[in-house]
Each structure stands twice: as C-alpha cells, then as structure tokens.
Amino acid sequence: MGYPGPAARARITHPVIASPSFTLFSVNAEIVAVGSELLTPFRQDTNSLYLTAKLNELGVDVSFKTIAGDNRQHLRSVAEIALSRADIVIFMGGLGPTEDDLTREAVSDALGLELRRDPDILESLKKRFAARKYTMTANNEKQADVLSGATVLPNPLGTASGQWISGKYDGQEKIIILLPGPPHELKSLFEKECVERLRAKLPPAFLATRELRVAMMGESQCDSRAAPIYQKYADVQTTILAGAGEIQLHLKAQSSSQQIAQDRVDKLAGELEDELGDYVFSSHGETLEQIVGYFLQMRSATLAAAESCTGGLLAERITSVGGSSRYFVGGAVVYSNDLKTEFAGVAPELIAKYGAVSKEVAEALALGIRERCDSTLGIGITGIAGPSGGSDAKPVGLVYHALTDGSTTEVIERSFPGDRKRIRWFASQQALDMVRRRLM
C-alpha cells in the first residue's frame, strides 16, 4: 500500500511564529509512545509518566496515552486520531536510523508536510561520528530529515534531534512535538527545549490535586457514598482506583489561579473525608505503612509481628519506610507449628485443639511476640493463602489477625478473595489498618 504525498493532505498551516496562543481554557495533550517493543511483555513505557508530570505542572491535562508499533500505516492513523482530539501531541521514539524508525515519515503523512534533509544536522552527525572514530553508515542520514516548517530541537546526548511544529490543523491550534525515545535524552531535551516554548504558548492555568486513600472498604461501597458528593463538583475531576484492601480517590482541578484550583479540590476532599470518616487513612497520598509509622512515633509506641501466611510481608512493608527502626522492633515468620511455639510461645496444645489457623492461635501469636520482643504492641497473623490447604470449615482466604497491647486483645476474622498474592496483600493491609485504628 502506498502513502499519499504531502500535496494530498496539506492540512497544517504556518507561520509558526505568528500562530496565537490557545484560546480554550482547558488544554489537553496526548502522548504517543512509539516502538513495537513496548507492545511486548518485556518493555514498559516510563517516559509518559515523566511527561505527564511536566505537562500537569504547566496546566495541561493529559487526556490520552497511546502505544503504537513500528508500522507506518498504524502510526499515521494514530497521529491523525491524536490530532483530532488533543491540542498537544507528543511522539516519543521512532527517530533512530533503522528501517523501523518511522515516526518522522508517519507524522509527515498525517500532516501533509514534506520531509527535507537538513544539511546542518547532517554535518553535525558526521562530526559526531568522526569525533568518536566511528564510521557513519548511510542509514544515519535519515536522522537529518526534518518536517517542513518544524523547529529543530538539538539533542546533545544522542543522534536523534527533536522537532517542534505549531500551527493550525483542521482549523484548530495544535502543537506537535517529536522526541527521542531513550529516557535520558528525552528528559534533557524536553527540559531545555520544550518547557519554556510550551509556557509561552499556553494560557495561564494551574492544576491542583489531592489523593485520598481508603482502607478496607469495597469499591462499590466507597463510590456509593462518595459519588453524591463529587458529582456536585463538575469542575473537579474525580478518579477512583481500587486495589487489594485500598481505594484511592484522585481529585484534580484546573484554574487560572493556583489558589482557586487548590481550594476546590480541598473543599471536595474535606466533604469526602467527612462522609467516609475513619476509613480514610491518608489525605495527601501517603501509604498505609507511612501512616502507621507516624502514629507509632506520635504515641512513642513500638510494634512486633508474628506472621504465618503473610510470610514477612507485613514486616517488609513496615521497614520499607525510612526510620522504621524507631518504632518497629522486629518479629518472626512462624510458618511451621514448631516455630509458632518456639518463637512466639504458642502452646502446642492450643494448636492441636483449635488448629494453626484459628482465632485462639492468632491471639497467642500476638501476645507471645509482644512479650518476646518487649514491644508496646504485638500483632499475629495466621491464615490460608492458598491455592491449596483450604477446607469447607476453613476455606482459602480465611485469615485471623490479632493485635494486643498486653491487656486488651482484638481479633478480626476475614475471608479475602483472589489468588495467593492478593490474599497475602489483603492480610497485611488489614493488619496495618488494625494498628492504625488502635493508635488513632
């Protein structure tokens, strides 16, 4: 299949310098990651995370992210769709010298713009190779191809220059940016060549965000209580993300004033916190293990853990926070019944009578590990993570958690859904939430 030449689709108009700034209040962007390797299980796009953060800082909302393989027809189609729905389109990758580097050609097809070989870039490439005592092969010359009317963005860290195009596309003001794929090249080039250009083109707009985190509440239950509140805030975008034992509510507002935007998200966040009460453990995106650490330090308390089915996951999460040695004494992974007795002092008779997975054993684990470690609080976890080992009486997913301060012991029985990994994470989340609630 052939590709129509520039005369068939002369749709982008210049001059670049004379094009006005955006008049729409809300400016959105689409990021296109180019590379067939990104469509395999072995490589992941991380550049778009960096670009999203930078664009948000400029008041730009990233509405779409697309991954496209190294196919000229597919890339052209992606470019046309992106240009139809986004004010700013950024292509990452596909600017190298090989046959499958087709971003320049595909964007040329989509925009109806000629590709010209820039003699200055070509000469720079030759000098770069000569300085390194490498032979420059003929295919490297395609890296000097520039879209008609584009501004070349120098890339001192690599051979692929970036390109910037600004003008009208189907009557709408657009900015198209081509960036190299290697992260260190992309970040450096974007910082030096794109940030100020974008700032000069964009209207004054600021993004404010908040992130509420909710523990041990189902997604549907959370949304049924939150939706009547956030639906009243048409100017605040609310996104709900569900994980094992945790719901995240991401709030985002845009305004011409940072203070106005922040006030809106803060007001909504306050109303949501009032409704969801103590299920909300974080109002600015902190993890549950961070919050537990804050509370333990505030109360001058220490914690020890005896873990069976979680296999040390609780301790790993707690100690992933810097400074956790101030409040986490330690503990033991008591997977076998013998070690439940040896390390946490659980009586063998108790295990024989009630079973290793039981309320009684969980309580004994908590009391025993607290005494052995001389900590303020002790927590014990025992359960069946699966996929085998369950029964009708004690199915896979059954977990007992016990938390004690030596005088008062609380035991919670839960049945968690999912596979082994998910059940273990649920169990560690429940344990952390018990500690949080005890210390509140």
Protein backbone atom coordinates (compact mmCIF):
# COMPACT_ATOMS: atom_id res chain seq x y z
CA MET A 1 0.00 0.00 0.00
CA GLY A 2 1.32 3.42 -0.92
CA TYR A 3 1.13 6.60 1.09
CA PRO A 4 -0.40 9.84 -0.23
CA GLY A 5 2.15 12.57 -0.63
CA PRO A 6 2.10 15.97 1.03
CA ALA A 7 0.02 17.52 -1.74
CA ALA A 8 -2.82 15.16 -0.93
CA ARG A 9 -3.12 16.33 2.70
CA ALA A 10 -1.86 19.90 3.07
CA ARG A 11 -3.66 20.36 6.38
CA ILE A 12 -1.24 22.10 8.70
CA THR A 13 -0.72 25.81 8.13
CA HIS A 14 2.02 28.18 9.22
CA PRO A 15 3.71 30.56 10.03
CA VAL A 16 4.70 29.07 13.35
CA ILE A 17 5.79 32.33 14.98
CA ALA A 18 2.56 34.15 14.17
CA SER A 19 0.22 31.45 15.49
CA PRO A 20 -1.78 32.66 18.51
CA SER A 21 -1.83 31.10 21.95
CA PHE A 22 -4.60 28.71 22.86
CA THR A 23 -7.93 30.41 23.50
CA LEU A 24 -9.61 27.42 25.10
CA PHE A 25 -9.35 27.42 28.87
CA SER A 26 -8.61 23.71 29.14
CA VAL A 27 -5.64 22.49 27.10
CA ASN A 28 -5.23 18.76 26.71
CA ALA A 29 -2.47 16.54 25.42
CA GLU A 30 -1.92 13.08 24.01
CA ILE A 31 1.33 11.19 24.45
CA VAL A 32 2.22 8.61 21.80
CA ALA A 33 4.90 6.06 22.69
CA VAL A 34 6.37 4.54 19.54
CA GLY A 35 8.05 1.15 19.41
CA SER A 36 6.95 -2.42 18.81
CA GLU A 37 8.99 -3.49 21.84
CA LEU A 38 6.51 -1.61 24.04
CA LEU A 39 3.77 -3.98 22.85
CA THR A 40 5.60 -7.00 24.28
CA PRO A 41 5.72 -8.21 27.91
CA PHE A 42 9.37 -7.24 28.18
CA ARG A 43 9.47 -3.44 27.86
CA GLN A 44 7.38 -0.76 29.52
CA ASP A 45 6.80 2.90 28.69
CA THR A 46 8.02 5.07 31.57
CA ASN A 47 8.67 8.27 29.61
CA SER A 48 4.97 9.14 29.60
CA LEU A 49 4.92 9.27 33.41
CA TYR A 50 7.64 11.92 33.35
CA LEU A 51 5.94 13.90 30.57
CA THR A 52 2.56 13.74 32.31
CA ALA A 53 4.03 15.26 35.46
CA LYS A 54 5.75 18.03 33.48
CA LEU A 55 2.63 18.81 31.44
CA ASN A 56 0.47 18.90 34.56
CA GLU A 57 2.86 21.43 36.08
CA LEU A 58 2.17 23.63 33.03
CA GLY A 59 -1.59 23.30 33.48
CA VAL A 60 -2.01 20.75 30.67
CA ASP A 61 -4.26 17.75 31.18
CA VAL A 62 -3.06 14.51 29.60
CA SER A 63 -6.26 13.03 28.19
CA PHE A 64 -4.83 10.15 26.18
CA LYS A 65 -1.80 7.88 26.06
CA THR A 66 -1.23 5.61 23.09
CA ILE A 67 1.35 2.94 22.30
CA ALA A 68 1.97 2.24 18.63
CA GLY A 69 4.23 -0.30 16.97
CA ASP A 70 6.73 0.40 14.23
CA ASN A 71 4.27 0.36 11.36
CA ARG A 72 3.94 3.42 9.13
CA GLN A 73 0.26 2.99 8.36
CA HIS A 74 -0.62 2.37 12.01
CA LEU A 75 1.47 5.34 13.13
CA ARG A 76 -0.19 7.63 10.62
CA SER A 77 -3.61 6.51 11.84
CA VAL A 78 -2.59 7.10 15.46
CA ALA A 79 -1.25 10.56 14.57
CA GLU A 80 -4.48 11.54 12.81
CA ILE A 81 -6.63 10.38 15.71
CA ALA A 82 -4.40 12.15 18.24
CA LEU A 83 -4.51 15.39 16.26
CA SER A 84 -8.31 15.20 16.08
CA ARG A 85 -8.74 15.12 19.85
CA ALA A 86 -5.72 16.75 21.53
CA ASP A 87 -4.26 20.26 21.49
CA ILE A 88 -0.74 18.99 22.10
CA VAL A 89 0.54 15.72 20.65
CA ILE A 90 3.92 14.37 21.75
CA PHE A 91 5.56 11.45 19.97
CA MET A 92 8.30 9.57 21.83
CA GLY A 93 10.67 7.30 19.94
CA GLY A 94 10.97 6.10 16.36
CA LEU A 95 13.53 8.77 15.42
CA GLY A 96 16.50 6.46 15.03
CA PRO A 97 18.38 5.46 11.84
CA THR A 98 16.91 2.00 11.21
CA GLU A 99 14.20 0.88 8.80
CA ASP A 100 11.64 0.52 11.59
CA ASP A 101 12.14 4.10 12.86
CA LEU A 102 9.14 5.66 11.13
CA THR A 103 7.83 8.47 13.32
CA ARG A 104 9.03 11.28 11.06
CA GLU A 105 7.53 9.63 7.97
CA ALA A 106 4.19 8.83 9.63
CA VAL A 107 3.77 12.35 11.02
CA SER A 108 4.68 13.72 7.61
CA ASP A 109 1.90 11.61 6.08
CA ALA A 110 -0.63 12.70 8.70
CA LEU A 111 0.15 16.42 8.47
CA GLY A 112 0.74 16.59 4.73
CA LEU A 113 4.19 18.08 5.23
CA GLU A 114 7.32 17.42 3.17
CA LEU A 115 10.38 15.90 4.80
CA ARG A 116 13.58 17.75 3.92
CA ARG A 117 17.14 16.73 4.72
CA ASP A 118 18.73 19.38 6.90
CA PRO A 119 22.38 19.96 5.88
CA ASP A 120 23.32 21.38 9.27
CA ILE A 121 22.05 18.30 11.12
CA LEU A 122 23.76 16.05 8.57
CA GLU A 123 27.07 17.80 9.06
CA SER A 124 26.67 17.64 12.84
CA LEU A 125 26.05 13.89 12.63
CA LYS A 126 29.17 13.38 10.54
CA LYS A 127 31.29 15.34 13.02
CA ARG A 128 29.81 13.41 15.94
CA PHE A 129 30.72 10.06 14.40
CA ALA A 130 34.17 11.26 13.37
CA ALA A 131 34.92 12.55 16.87
CA ARG A 132 34.16 9.10 18.24
CA LYS A 133 36.15 7.40 15.45
CA TYR A 134 33.04 5.58 14.20
CA THR A 135 32.03 5.11 10.59
CA MET A 136 28.74 6.80 9.83
CA THR A 137 26.61 4.48 7.70
CA ALA A 138 24.18 5.78 5.08
CA ASN A 139 21.07 4.96 7.11
CA ASN A 140 22.12 7.52 9.73
CA GLU A 141 21.39 10.26 7.23
CA LYS A 142 17.62 9.86 7.69
CA GLN A 143 18.06 11.35 11.18
CA ALA A 144 18.66 14.66 9.42
CA ASP A 145 15.13 14.60 7.91
CA VAL A 146 13.00 17.46 9.21
CA LEU A 147 9.31 18.20 8.67
CA SER A 148 8.68 21.34 6.64
CA GLY A 149 8.18 24.30 8.97
CA ALA A 150 9.39 22.42 12.04
CA THR A 151 11.81 23.85 14.56
CA VAL A 152 14.73 21.52 15.20
CA LEU A 153 15.31 20.70 18.88
CA PRO A 154 19.03 19.94 19.38
CA ASN A 155 19.88 16.73 21.21
CA PRO A 156 23.48 16.87 22.51
CA LEU A 157 23.07 13.47 24.18
CA GLY A 158 22.21 11.50 21.05
CA THR A 159 21.93 11.46 17.26
CA ALA A 160 18.13 11.93 17.06
CA SER A 161 17.10 15.59 17.10
CA GLY A 162 13.67 16.54 18.35
CA GLN A 163 11.17 18.58 16.31
CA TRP A 164 8.54 21.17 17.21
CA ILE A 165 5.61 22.08 14.96
CA SER A 166 2.97 24.65 15.78
CA GLY A 167 0.08 25.82 13.67
CA LYS A 168 -3.50 25.21 12.57
CA TYR A 169 -4.70 21.68 11.92
CA ASP A 170 -8.25 21.43 10.58
CA GLY A 171 -8.88 24.92 11.93
CA GLN A 172 -7.62 24.18 15.44
CA GLU A 173 -4.39 25.35 17.03
CA LYS A 174 -2.05 22.41 17.58
CA ILE A 175 1.43 21.72 18.90
CA ILE A 176 3.23 18.58 17.72
CA ILE A 177 6.47 17.52 19.38
CA LEU A 178 8.77 14.70 18.29
CA LEU A 179 11.15 13.45 20.98
CA PRO A 180 13.81 10.70 21.04
CA GLY A 181 12.94 7.54 22.96
CA PRO A 182 15.90 6.99 25.34
CA PRO A 183 14.77 8.44 28.71
CA HIS A 184 17.92 10.46 29.45
CA GLU A 185 17.77 12.08 26.01
CA LEU A 186 14.02 12.75 26.17
CA LYS A 187 14.10 14.33 29.63
CA SER A 188 17.07 16.56 28.89
CA LEU A 189 15.67 17.73 25.56
CA PHE A 190 12.19 18.36 26.94
CA GLU A 191 13.54 20.40 29.85
CA LYS A 192 15.87 22.51 27.71
CA GLU A 193 13.85 22.95 24.53
CA CYS A 194 10.15 22.40 25.23
CA VAL A 195 9.14 23.64 28.67
CA GLU A 196 9.61 27.35 28.01
CA ARG A 197 8.19 27.08 24.48
CA LEU A 198 5.06 25.50 25.92
CA ARG A 199 4.82 28.03 28.72
CA ALA A 200 4.90 30.85 26.19
CA LYS A 201 2.07 29.28 24.16
CA LEU A 202 -0.25 28.21 26.95
CA PRO A 203 -2.86 30.30 28.73
CA PRO A 204 -2.34 30.87 32.46
CA ALA A 205 -3.66 27.69 34.01
CA PHE A 206 -2.81 25.72 37.12
CA LEU A 207 -3.60 22.20 38.22
CA ALA A 208 -4.25 21.26 41.84
CA THR A 209 -4.52 17.68 43.04
CA ARG A 210 -5.36 15.70 46.15
CA GLU A 211 -5.30 11.99 46.79
CA LEU A 212 -7.43 10.34 49.46
CA ARG A 213 -6.75 6.74 50.41
CA VAL A 214 -9.35 4.50 51.99
CA ALA A 215 -8.61 1.22 53.81
CA MET A 216 -10.67 -1.97 53.91
CA MET A 217 -13.77 -0.65 52.15
CA GLY A 218 -15.13 -2.11 48.91
CA GLU A 219 -15.02 -0.05 45.72
CA SER A 220 -18.79 -0.09 45.18
CA GLN A 221 -19.48 0.83 48.80
CA CYS A 222 -16.97 3.66 48.65
CA ASP A 223 -18.34 5.04 45.40
CA SER A 224 -21.97 4.80 46.54
CA ARG A 225 -21.11 7.12 49.42
CA ALA A 226 -18.66 9.35 47.55
CA ALA A 227 -20.47 9.80 44.21
CA PRO A 228 -23.33 12.02 45.50
CA ILE A 229 -20.65 14.37 46.79
CA TYR A 230 -18.13 14.50 43.95
CA GLN A 231 -20.87 14.69 41.31
CA LYS A 232 -21.71 18.17 42.66
CA TYR A 233 -18.20 19.33 41.72
CA ALA A 234 -18.33 19.48 37.93
CA ASP A 235 -15.05 21.42 37.86
CA VAL A 236 -13.12 18.75 39.78
CA GLN A 237 -12.17 15.52 38.03
CA THR A 238 -12.50 12.53 40.35
CA THR A 239 -10.87 9.19 39.54
CA ILE A 240 -11.34 6.11 41.72
CA LEU A 241 -8.72 3.35 41.72
CA ALA A 242 -9.30 0.06 43.56
CA GLY A 243 -6.65 -2.28 44.92
CA ALA A 244 -6.45 -5.08 47.49
CA GLY A 245 -7.81 -3.51 50.65
CA GLU A 246 -7.38 0.05 49.43
CA ILE A 247 -9.35 2.60 47.40
CA GLN A 248 -7.70 5.74 46.04
CA LEU A 249 -9.68 8.85 45.15
CA HIS A 250 -7.65 11.15 42.90
CA LEU A 251 -9.00 14.71 42.70
CA LYS A 252 -7.87 17.23 40.09
CA ALA A 253 -9.00 20.76 39.29
CA GLN A 254 -7.72 23.39 36.86
CA SER A 255 -7.99 27.16 37.14
CA SER A 256 -6.24 30.37 36.14
CA SER A 257 -5.24 30.65 39.80
CA GLN A 258 -3.41 28.00 41.79
CA GLN A 259 -5.26 29.07 44.92
CA ILE A 260 -8.69 28.73 43.32
CA ALA A 261 -7.85 25.28 41.95
CA GLN A 262 -6.45 24.15 45.29
CA ASP A 263 -9.45 25.49 47.20
CA ARG A 264 -11.81 23.46 45.02
CA VAL A 265 -10.02 20.14 45.48
CA ASP A 266 -9.51 20.81 49.18
CA LYS A 267 -13.22 21.57 49.66
CA LEU A 268 -14.23 18.36 47.90
CA ALA A 269 -11.61 16.38 49.80
CA GLY A 270 -12.97 17.72 53.08
CA GLU A 271 -16.52 16.67 52.25
CA LEU A 272 -15.39 13.22 51.21
CA GLU A 273 -13.39 12.79 54.41
CA ASP A 274 -16.44 13.79 56.46
CA GLU A 275 -18.56 11.20 54.67
CA LEU A 276 -16.05 8.31 54.69
CA GLY A 277 -14.85 9.00 58.22
CA ASP A 278 -12.06 6.91 59.68
CA TYR A 279 -11.93 4.67 56.60
CA VAL A 280 -9.80 7.48 55.13
CA PHE A 281 -6.26 6.89 56.34
CA SER A 282 -4.45 9.39 54.09
CA SER A 283 -5.46 12.73 52.63
CA HIS A 284 -2.31 13.51 50.65
CA GLY A 285 -1.37 10.15 49.15
CA GLU A 286 0.68 8.66 51.99
CA THR A 287 0.83 4.86 52.14
CA LEU A 288 -0.75 2.92 54.99
CA GLU A 289 2.67 1.85 56.26
CA GLN A 290 3.75 5.50 56.38
CA ILE A 291 0.63 6.47 58.34
CA VAL A 292 1.14 3.60 60.80
CA GLY A 293 4.72 4.80 61.28
CA TYR A 294 3.51 8.35 62.01
CA PHE A 295 1.05 7.11 64.63
CA LEU A 296 3.55 4.81 66.33
CA GLN A 297 6.04 7.66 66.64
CA MET A 298 3.38 10.08 67.86
CA ARG A 299 2.40 7.63 70.62
CA SER A 300 6.01 6.69 71.37
CA ALA A 301 4.93 3.11 70.74
CA THR A 302 6.68 0.09 69.26
CA LEU A 303 5.38 -2.88 67.29
CA ALA A 304 6.40 -6.51 66.82
CA ALA A 305 4.84 -9.04 64.43
CA ALA A 306 4.43 -12.81 64.26
CA GLU A 307 3.48 -13.71 60.70
CA SER A 308 2.42 -17.02 59.27
CA CYS A 309 0.52 -16.81 55.96
CA THR A 310 1.93 -13.35 55.09
CA GLY A 311 5.46 -14.75 55.28
CA GLY A 312 7.09 -11.48 56.39
CA LEU A 313 5.15 -9.21 54.02
CA LEU A 314 3.90 -7.06 56.91
CA ALA A 315 7.45 -6.55 58.20
CA GLU A 316 8.68 -5.82 54.67
CA ARG A 317 6.05 -3.10 54.20
CA ILE A 318 6.75 -1.51 57.56
CA THR A 319 10.52 -1.50 57.06
CA SER A 320 10.21 -0.06 53.54
CA VAL A 321 9.69 3.30 55.29
CA GLY A 322 12.84 5.14 56.28
CA GLY A 323 13.29 5.47 60.04
CA SER A 324 11.10 2.46 60.84
CA SER A 325 13.73 1.18 63.30
CA ARG A 326 12.41 3.81 65.72
CA TYR A 327 9.09 2.00 66.10
CA PHE A 328 9.34 -1.49 64.59
CA VAL A 329 11.17 -3.85 66.94
CA GLY A 330 11.04 -6.88 64.68
CA GLY A 331 9.34 -10.23 64.87
CA ALA A 332 9.28 -13.65 63.30
CA VAL A 333 7.95 -15.56 60.31
CA VAL A 334 6.34 -18.51 62.11
CA TYR A 335 5.26 -20.62 59.17
CA SER A 336 5.56 -24.00 60.85
CA ASN A 337 3.73 -25.01 64.02
CA ASP A 338 7.05 -25.72 65.76
CA LEU A 339 8.21 -22.15 65.17
CA LYS A 340 4.91 -20.77 66.36
CA THR A 341 5.76 -22.42 69.64
CA GLU A 342 9.50 -21.69 69.69
CA PHE A 343 9.46 -18.05 68.53
CA ALA A 344 6.07 -16.83 69.77
CA GLY A 345 5.36 -19.14 72.68
CA VAL A 346 2.15 -20.64 71.29
CA ALA A 347 1.24 -23.73 73.31
CA PRO A 348 1.23 -26.92 71.18
CA GLU A 349 -2.00 -27.92 72.91
CA LEU A 350 -3.66 -24.77 71.61
CA ILE A 351 -2.68 -25.58 68.03
CA ALA A 352 -3.80 -29.19 68.45
CA LYS A 353 -7.19 -28.15 69.81
CA TYR A 354 -8.09 -25.23 67.54
CA GLY A 355 -5.79 -25.61 64.55
CA ALA A 356 -2.96 -23.32 63.40
CA VAL A 357 -5.48 -21.14 61.57
CA SER A 358 -7.74 -20.02 64.38
CA LYS A 359 -8.72 -17.06 66.50
CA GLU A 360 -7.03 -18.60 69.51
CA VAL A 361 -3.68 -19.12 67.80
CA ALA A 362 -3.72 -15.61 66.29
CA GLU A 363 -4.25 -14.19 69.78
CA ALA A 364 -1.46 -16.32 71.21
CA LEU A 365 0.89 -15.20 68.41
CA ALA A 366 0.22 -11.54 69.19
CA LEU A 367 0.67 -11.96 72.94
CA GLY A 368 3.74 -14.14 72.56
CA ILE A 369 5.62 -11.95 70.07
CA ARG A 370 4.89 -8.83 72.11
CA GLU A 371 6.36 -10.46 75.21
CA ARG A 372 9.38 -11.91 73.40
CA CYS A 373 10.21 -8.56 71.73
CA ASP A 374 9.19 -6.35 74.66
CA SER A 375 7.16 -4.08 72.38
CA THR A 376 4.17 -1.85 73.08
CA LEU A 377 2.00 -3.72 70.59
CA GLY A 378 2.13 -7.23 69.19
CA ILE A 379 0.34 -8.46 66.10
CA GLY A 380 -0.23 -12.03 64.95
CA ILE A 381 -1.42 -13.22 61.54
CA THR A 382 -2.41 -16.75 60.59
CA GLY A 383 -4.44 -17.91 57.63
CA ILE A 384 -4.73 -19.91 54.42
CA ALA A 385 -3.30 -18.08 51.40
CA GLY A 386 -3.88 -20.98 49.01
CA PRO A 387 -4.19 -22.15 46.40
CA SER A 388 -4.31 -25.42 48.39
CA GLY A 389 -4.80 -26.15 52.08
CA GLY A 390 -8.39 -24.98 52.41
CA SER A 391 -11.45 -26.92 53.58
CA ASP A 392 -15.17 -26.33 53.93
CA ALA A 393 -14.67 -25.24 57.51
CA LYS A 394 -11.56 -23.17 56.77
CA PRO A 395 -11.50 -22.11 53.11
CA VAL A 396 -8.68 -20.48 51.18
CA GLY A 397 -8.67 -16.78 52.02
CA LEU A 398 -9.54 -17.19 55.69
CA VAL A 399 -7.18 -15.09 57.84
CA TYR A 400 -7.17 -14.26 61.54
CA HIS A 401 -5.46 -11.09 62.77
CA ALA A 402 -4.83 -10.33 66.43
CA LEU A 403 -3.50 -7.11 67.94
CA THR A 404 -2.65 -6.71 71.61
CA ASP A 405 -1.16 -4.20 74.00
CA GLY A 406 -0.86 -6.85 76.72
CA SER A 407 -4.11 -6.02 78.45
CA THR A 408 -6.57 -5.74 75.55
CA THR A 409 -6.53 -8.03 72.53
CA GLU A 410 -8.60 -7.57 69.38
CA VAL A 411 -9.08 -10.38 66.90
CA ILE A 412 -10.51 -9.96 63.40
CA GLU A 413 -11.55 -12.81 61.14
CA ARG A 414 -11.63 -12.06 57.42
CA SER A 415 -12.19 -14.04 54.23
CA PHE A 416 -10.25 -12.46 51.39
CA PRO A 417 -10.85 -13.10 47.68
CA GLY A 418 -8.26 -13.67 44.99
CA ASP A 419 -5.07 -15.60 44.43
CA ARG A 420 -2.25 -16.22 46.88
CA LYS A 421 -0.51 -12.90 46.23
CA ARG A 422 -3.71 -10.91 46.60
CA ILE A 423 -4.78 -12.70 49.80
CA ARG A 424 -1.39 -12.08 51.41
CA TRP A 425 -1.55 -8.38 50.49
CA PHE A 426 -5.11 -8.10 51.85
CA ALA A 427 -3.93 -9.69 55.09
CA SER A 428 -1.03 -7.27 55.51
CA GLN A 429 -3.35 -4.36 54.74
CA GLN A 430 -5.83 -5.50 57.39
CA ALA A 431 -3.04 -5.82 59.93
CA LEU A 432 -1.73 -2.32 59.27
CA ASP A 433 -5.23 -0.89 59.44
CA MET A 434 -5.78 -2.54 62.84
CA VAL A 435 -2.64 -0.87 64.17
CA ARG A 436 -3.71 2.48 62.71
CA ARG A 437 -7.15 2.31 64.29
CA ARG A 438 -5.78 1.23 67.67
CA LEU A 439 -3.46 4.25 67.75
CA MET A 440 -5.91 6.87 66.42
